[in-house]
Every structure is written in C-alpha cells, then in structure tokens.
Amino acid sequence: MSRIAIAGLGWLGLPLAAQLQELGHTVKGSVTSKTKQAELKTYGVDVYQVEIAEDEIRGEINSFLADSEILIILIPPGLRRNTGHNHALRMAQLLDAVEKSSVQKVILISSTGVYDDSQGKVTEADVPKPQDNKGKQLVEVEQIFFKSTAVKTTVIRFGGLFGGSRNPVKYLAGRTGLSNGNASVNLIHRQDCMGVILGVIYKNAFGHIINAVHPEHPAKAVYYKKQAEALGLEPPVYESDRDQTFKQIDSVTLKPLLGYTFQKNL
C-alpha cells in the first residue's frame, strides 16, 4: 500500500481520499483555510493547512508532504476569475517543496483547456497550442513538473467535470442566445476521474500524459437540451453557429496504458 498526499480536498479530492483509505492506503490531504481544516478534522481526516502563493508557501507544507511517496495535485488554477495571479509561479513553489520531500511520484491534474478550439480533434499526440492565458499557464505547469528529475510525473487532462451536485446544465437552463451549440462536449464524471487516478497508481503508470474525457461527444445543443429535460429544467437555446472549428478531445493513451473502461454514461 502507498502513502499518498492529496493537495486540494475539494469536490474530487475528498471522495478520492475516502476511496484510497478504504483500499488501505495511508492518505493525507491539504486545504487552504484553517476553518476547512478544523471541519474536516472532526470527520477524522488527516488534513493540513497549506496556502501556496507566488512567492512562498504558508502553512504546514513540510508536515503535509512528509513520508508520502505519491502526491496528487488537485489545485484549481483559479484563472477564470481574472484574479491576475500567476498559477505557474505558485506551482513552481510547490514543485520546489516537493523536490525536497520524500515524494517520488506525482499525479498532476491538468485540463483539456490546454488545447485551443482551432485545433479541432486532438489526442495526446497533438501539441497543445493554447491562445488564452489559462491554457498557456496550464501548459507551463505541466512542463515544469515533467522536466523535474527529482519526481516522475503523470499529467491527467480532465475535460469538463460533472457528478454529485455538479451538472453544467444547471447554469445553462433557460438561457437563450447561447453560442457554440455545434461544439462537442468533452466531459468526465467524478467517478471516472477517480477511476483514472486509481488506474495510474495501480498500474504504476508515471511519466505519461493522459487525456481523460468520456469517448462520446454529442453536440452541446443536443446534449444540454436532453439533460435539461431529464431534470425538469427549461432547455437552453443556442443560436446557429457560423462555420467554426471546435475541439474534440480524445485519448490514444488511456486504453493501452491503463486498460480503463468508463463507468459512467454522459
């Protein structure tokens, strides 16, 4: 059994920690706030307060990483909120601490946001060509971890996340004049996120890049209309698209490397 540290006990990290513990692994987790730390400790979670800034790491980073063999990084880049912070600088701070610790292997959760729409259908064999700041920073983070000689990193690029109370259609229901209705959905359920992460650990599949997205890609307009109707919500209305290229994320790595079969339907 492995000793595993999870940076970011949130929507995915918390159930992942519970599943790993059930499987017999020793698990630690980190959160940014002391309030959240105190709350999780009441549930018996071994949790540390760690806040990563661009110039330093505040909190219990050394205790969090101590004695762990594998680190799973589930820290959201927070770049959608236009806070102006540099996610790549933050992750460079984390890598510096990791390289000084007992951690030997890293699972870095990235995003299919590294690919630009103009790239169309892509797999791991395609070099990302991001045009926006978020995508560029995500690629930079992937590269700094890959180039480290102290740890062996596997990058998992998740598509749009759903599961539990999270369903993108809740934010789209009833809206009109939406664009990109012909774009393919690139989604993955939380249970499959956990399944892919577990696959990397159990297959010892480190040193790879994996696109983790459900293999079915219905058009957004069709998919979200169906989702809304299933939940009794008013379907979103999309305008007709101009001739435009949209990205579709596929994987040539997932099946050969992990033999993974998706558990959840879209």
Protein backbone atom coordinates (compact mmCIF):
# COMPACT_ATOMS: atom_id res chain seq x y z
CA MET A 1 0.00 0.00 0.00
CA SER A 2 1.15 3.52 -0.75
CA ARG A 3 1.47 6.67 1.32
CA ILE A 4 -0.41 9.32 -0.63
CA ALA A 5 -0.77 13.08 -0.20
CA ILE A 6 -3.66 14.91 -1.92
CA ALA A 7 -3.19 18.65 -2.43
CA GLY A 8 -6.73 20.02 -2.52
CA LEU A 9 -9.51 18.23 -0.61
CA GLY A 10 -12.48 19.56 -2.53
CA TRP A 11 -15.23 18.20 -4.79
CA LEU A 12 -12.90 15.50 -6.17
CA GLY A 13 -10.13 15.30 -3.55
CA LEU A 14 -12.34 14.45 -0.58
CA PRO A 15 -14.14 11.41 -2.08
CA LEU A 16 -10.85 10.31 -3.64
CA ALA A 17 -9.19 10.38 -0.20
CA ALA A 18 -12.03 8.30 1.25
CA GLN A 19 -11.76 5.73 -1.55
CA LEU A 20 -7.97 5.45 -1.21
CA GLN A 21 -8.31 4.95 2.55
CA GLU A 22 -10.91 2.22 2.00
CA LEU A 23 -8.39 0.50 -0.27
CA GLY A 24 -5.83 0.50 2.55
CA HIS A 25 -3.60 3.42 1.57
CA THR A 26 -2.32 5.99 4.07
CA VAL A 27 -3.75 9.34 2.98
CA LYS A 28 -3.10 12.95 3.91
CA GLY A 29 -4.85 15.97 2.48
CA SER A 30 -4.43 19.71 2.30
CA VAL A 31 -6.84 22.65 2.30
CA THR A 32 -6.16 26.39 2.15
CA SER A 33 -8.29 27.54 5.10
CA LYS A 34 -7.97 26.73 8.80
CA THR A 35 -11.77 26.69 9.08
CA LYS A 36 -12.00 23.92 6.48
CA GLN A 37 -9.13 22.09 8.18
CA ALA A 38 -10.92 22.13 11.54
CA GLU A 39 -14.16 20.95 9.90
CA LEU A 40 -12.51 18.01 8.14
CA LYS A 41 -10.55 17.01 11.24
CA THR A 42 -13.87 16.44 13.03
CA TYR A 43 -14.52 13.74 10.39
CA GLY A 44 -11.20 12.09 11.17
CA VAL A 45 -9.38 13.26 8.05
CA ASP A 46 -5.60 13.77 8.33
CA VAL A 47 -5.62 17.29 6.91
CA TYR A 48 -3.08 20.10 6.80
CA GLN A 49 -3.47 23.81 6.12
CA VAL A 50 -1.34 24.81 3.13
CA GLU A 51 -1.62 28.04 1.16
CA ILE A 52 0.54 28.37 -1.95
CA ALA A 53 1.38 31.91 -3.06
CA GLU A 54 3.53 33.10 -5.95
CA ASP A 55 6.45 33.90 -3.65
CA GLU A 56 6.09 31.42 -0.79
CA ILE A 57 4.09 28.58 0.74
CA ARG A 58 2.37 29.34 4.03
CA GLY A 59 1.24 26.70 6.49
CA GLU A 60 2.18 23.08 7.10
CA ILE A 61 3.72 22.10 3.76
CA ASN A 62 6.59 20.06 5.24
CA SER A 63 4.31 18.06 7.55
CA PHE A 64 1.85 17.55 4.69
CA LEU A 65 4.46 16.10 2.35
CA ALA A 66 6.48 14.20 4.99
CA ASP A 67 6.74 10.42 4.44
CA SER A 68 4.50 10.48 1.34
CA GLU A 69 5.52 8.59 -1.79
CA ILE A 70 2.85 9.88 -4.16
CA LEU A 71 1.43 13.40 -4.45
CA ILE A 72 -1.85 14.05 -6.26
CA ILE A 73 -2.23 17.73 -7.18
CA LEU A 74 -5.85 18.84 -7.37
CA ILE A 75 -5.32 22.58 -7.05
CA PRO A 76 -7.62 24.59 -9.34
CA PRO A 77 -5.73 27.27 -11.26
CA GLY A 78 -8.38 29.87 -10.41
CA LEU A 79 -7.68 31.68 -13.68
CA ARG A 80 -11.30 32.11 -14.74
CA ARG A 81 -11.86 34.66 -12.00
CA ASN A 82 -9.29 37.04 -13.52
CA THR A 83 -7.52 37.46 -10.20
CA GLY A 84 -4.34 38.29 -12.07
CA HIS A 85 -2.31 35.72 -10.16
CA ASN A 86 0.30 33.54 -11.79
CA HIS A 87 -0.66 29.89 -11.38
CA ALA A 88 2.63 28.71 -12.89
CA LEU A 89 4.62 30.61 -10.25
CA ARG A 90 2.51 29.07 -7.50
CA MET A 91 3.07 25.57 -8.84
CA ALA A 92 6.82 26.23 -9.16
CA GLN A 93 6.79 26.98 -5.42
CA LEU A 94 5.03 23.68 -4.80
CA LEU A 95 7.44 21.74 -7.01
CA ASP A 96 10.38 23.20 -5.10
CA ALA A 97 8.92 21.88 -1.83
CA VAL A 98 8.09 18.52 -3.43
CA GLU A 99 11.65 18.07 -4.72
CA LYS A 100 12.96 18.49 -1.17
CA SER A 101 10.48 15.93 0.25
CA SER A 102 10.14 12.15 0.20
CA VAL A 103 7.66 12.30 -2.72
CA GLN A 104 8.85 10.26 -5.70
CA LYS A 105 5.79 10.29 -7.97
CA VAL A 106 3.29 13.00 -8.86
CA ILE A 107 -0.15 12.90 -10.48
CA LEU A 108 -0.76 16.42 -11.77
CA ILE A 109 -4.37 17.17 -12.63
CA SER A 110 -4.46 19.49 -15.60
CA SER A 111 -7.21 20.37 -18.06
CA THR A 112 -8.19 19.94 -21.69
CA GLY A 113 -8.11 23.75 -21.65
CA VAL A 114 -4.53 23.37 -22.88
CA TYR A 115 -5.95 22.78 -26.37
CA ASP A 116 -7.40 25.62 -28.45
CA ASP A 117 -10.72 25.26 -30.29
CA SER A 118 -8.90 25.89 -33.56
CA GLN A 119 -7.07 22.57 -33.10
CA GLY A 120 -10.24 20.56 -33.78
CA LYS A 121 -9.93 16.84 -32.98
CA VAL A 122 -6.93 16.23 -30.72
CA THR A 123 -5.24 13.44 -28.77
CA GLU A 124 -2.17 13.33 -26.54
CA ALA A 125 -0.11 13.07 -29.75
CA ASP A 126 -1.05 16.67 -30.61
CA VAL A 127 0.99 19.50 -29.13
CA PRO A 128 -1.30 21.95 -27.28
CA LYS A 129 -1.49 25.40 -28.88
CA PRO A 130 -3.33 27.47 -26.28
CA GLN A 131 -4.23 31.04 -27.19
CA ASP A 132 -5.53 32.23 -23.83
CA ASN A 133 -3.70 32.91 -20.58
CA LYS A 134 -5.26 29.98 -18.71
CA GLY A 135 -4.20 27.43 -21.31
CA LYS A 136 -0.69 28.84 -21.55
CA GLN A 137 -0.19 28.69 -17.78
CA LEU A 138 -1.52 25.12 -17.61
CA VAL A 139 0.98 24.02 -20.26
CA GLU A 140 3.78 25.80 -18.38
CA VAL A 141 2.87 23.95 -15.17
CA GLU A 142 2.80 20.60 -16.99
CA GLN A 143 6.27 21.31 -18.39
CA ILE A 144 7.94 22.33 -15.12
CA PHE A 145 6.77 19.11 -13.45
CA PHE A 146 7.74 16.96 -16.44
CA LYS A 147 11.22 18.44 -16.54
CA SER A 148 11.91 17.71 -12.87
CA THR A 149 14.48 14.98 -12.37
CA ALA A 150 13.51 14.54 -8.71
CA VAL A 151 9.99 13.21 -9.33
CA LYS A 152 8.23 11.25 -12.05
CA THR A 153 5.01 12.96 -13.12
CA THR A 154 1.91 11.81 -14.95
CA VAL A 155 -0.32 14.60 -16.22
CA ILE A 156 -4.05 13.88 -16.42
CA ARG A 157 -6.01 16.38 -18.51
CA PHE A 158 -9.63 16.18 -17.39
CA GLY A 159 -12.46 17.50 -19.52
CA GLY A 160 -15.46 19.31 -18.06
CA LEU A 161 -16.37 17.83 -14.69
CA PHE A 162 -19.78 16.57 -13.61
CA GLY A 163 -21.21 14.32 -10.90
CA GLY A 164 -22.75 14.72 -7.47
CA SER A 165 -24.49 18.08 -7.37
CA ARG A 166 -22.35 19.39 -10.23
CA ASN A 167 -24.09 19.44 -13.59
CA PRO A 168 -23.24 22.15 -16.14
CA VAL A 169 -26.84 22.28 -17.40
CA LYS A 170 -27.90 23.91 -14.12
CA TYR A 171 -26.00 27.04 -15.18
CA LEU A 172 -27.37 26.91 -18.73
CA ALA A 173 -31.06 26.13 -18.12
CA GLY A 174 -33.43 28.72 -19.53
CA ARG A 175 -30.70 30.82 -21.12
CA THR A 176 -31.13 31.98 -24.71
CA GLY A 177 -28.83 33.22 -27.43
CA LEU A 178 -26.05 30.82 -26.45
CA SER A 179 -23.27 30.21 -28.95
CA ASN A 180 -21.23 27.12 -29.83
CA GLY A 181 -24.22 24.75 -29.93
CA ASN A 182 -22.45 22.60 -32.53
CA ALA A 183 -19.37 22.21 -30.32
CA SER A 184 -18.68 18.73 -28.97
CA VAL A 185 -19.00 18.18 -25.24
CA ASN A 186 -15.78 16.97 -23.61
CA LEU A 187 -16.91 15.75 -20.20
CA ILE A 188 -15.93 13.30 -17.47
CA HIS A 189 -17.87 12.11 -14.40
CA ARG A 190 -16.28 12.35 -10.96
CA GLN A 191 -16.34 8.57 -10.56
CA ASP A 192 -14.32 8.18 -13.76
CA CYS A 193 -11.89 10.89 -12.58
CA MET A 194 -11.23 8.75 -9.52
CA GLY A 195 -11.04 5.61 -11.63
CA VAL A 196 -8.36 7.06 -13.90
CA ILE A 197 -6.29 8.33 -10.95
CA LEU A 198 -6.50 4.91 -9.29
CA GLY A 199 -5.50 3.31 -12.59
CA VAL A 200 -2.31 5.40 -12.73
CA ILE A 201 -1.43 4.40 -9.15
CA TYR A 202 -2.13 0.68 -9.54
CA LYS A 203 -0.51 0.37 -12.97
CA ASN A 204 2.43 2.49 -11.77
CA ALA A 205 1.89 4.49 -14.93
CA PHE A 206 4.10 7.50 -14.27
CA GLY A 207 5.82 9.67 -16.86
CA HIS A 208 2.81 9.98 -19.18
CA ILE A 209 0.19 12.43 -20.42
CA ILE A 210 -3.42 11.23 -20.39
CA ASN A 211 -6.48 12.93 -21.84
CA ALA A 212 -9.32 11.78 -19.61
CA VAL A 213 -12.61 12.58 -21.36
CA HIS A 214 -15.67 10.41 -21.99
CA PRO A 215 -15.38 8.97 -25.52
CA GLU A 216 -18.85 10.15 -26.55
CA HIS A 217 -19.05 13.72 -27.88
CA PRO A 218 -22.63 14.83 -28.63
CA ALA A 219 -23.14 18.46 -29.69
CA LYS A 220 -23.74 20.87 -26.80
CA ALA A 221 -27.16 21.97 -28.08
CA VAL A 222 -28.39 18.35 -28.27
CA TYR A 223 -26.77 17.18 -25.04
CA TYR A 224 -27.86 20.05 -22.79
CA LYS A 225 -31.43 20.01 -24.14
CA LYS A 226 -31.63 16.33 -23.18
CA GLN A 227 -30.03 16.98 -19.77
CA ALA A 228 -32.38 19.86 -19.00
CA GLU A 229 -35.46 17.83 -19.92
CA ALA A 230 -34.29 14.92 -17.75
CA LEU A 231 -34.01 17.27 -14.76
CA GLY A 232 -37.27 19.07 -15.47
CA LEU A 233 -35.46 22.31 -16.33
CA GLU A 234 -36.07 24.71 -19.19
CA PRO A 235 -33.66 23.77 -22.00
CA PRO A 236 -31.06 26.33 -23.06
CA VAL A 237 -31.44 27.81 -26.54
CA TYR A 238 -28.43 28.03 -28.83
CA GLU A 239 -28.08 30.28 -31.86
CA SER A 240 -26.99 28.70 -35.11
CA ASP A 241 -23.21 28.63 -35.41
CA ARG A 242 -21.15 30.05 -38.18
CA ASP A 243 -18.78 27.61 -39.82
CA GLN A 244 -16.41 27.23 -36.95
CA THR A 245 -13.90 24.68 -35.67
CA PHE A 246 -14.43 23.24 -32.19
CA LYS A 247 -12.14 20.99 -30.25
CA GLN A 248 -12.93 17.35 -29.58
CA ILE A 249 -10.69 15.68 -27.02
CA ASP A 250 -9.86 12.01 -27.49
CA SER A 251 -7.24 9.70 -26.00
CA VAL A 252 -4.75 7.31 -27.55
CA THR A 253 -3.14 6.70 -24.14
CA LEU A 254 -5.92 5.80 -21.74
CA LYS A 255 -6.86 2.35 -23.03
CA PRO A 256 -3.37 0.97 -23.85
CA LEU A 257 -1.78 2.39 -20.70
CA LEU A 258 -4.46 1.73 -18.10
CA GLY A 259 -6.95 -0.56 -19.86
CA TYR A 260 -9.57 1.81 -18.48
CA THR A 261 -13.28 1.49 -19.28
CA PHE A 262 -15.56 4.40 -18.45
CA GLN A 263 -18.05 3.61 -15.68
CA LYS A 264 -20.50 6.48 -16.11
CA ASN A 265 -22.58 7.45 -19.12
CA LEU A 266 -22.94 11.05 -20.18
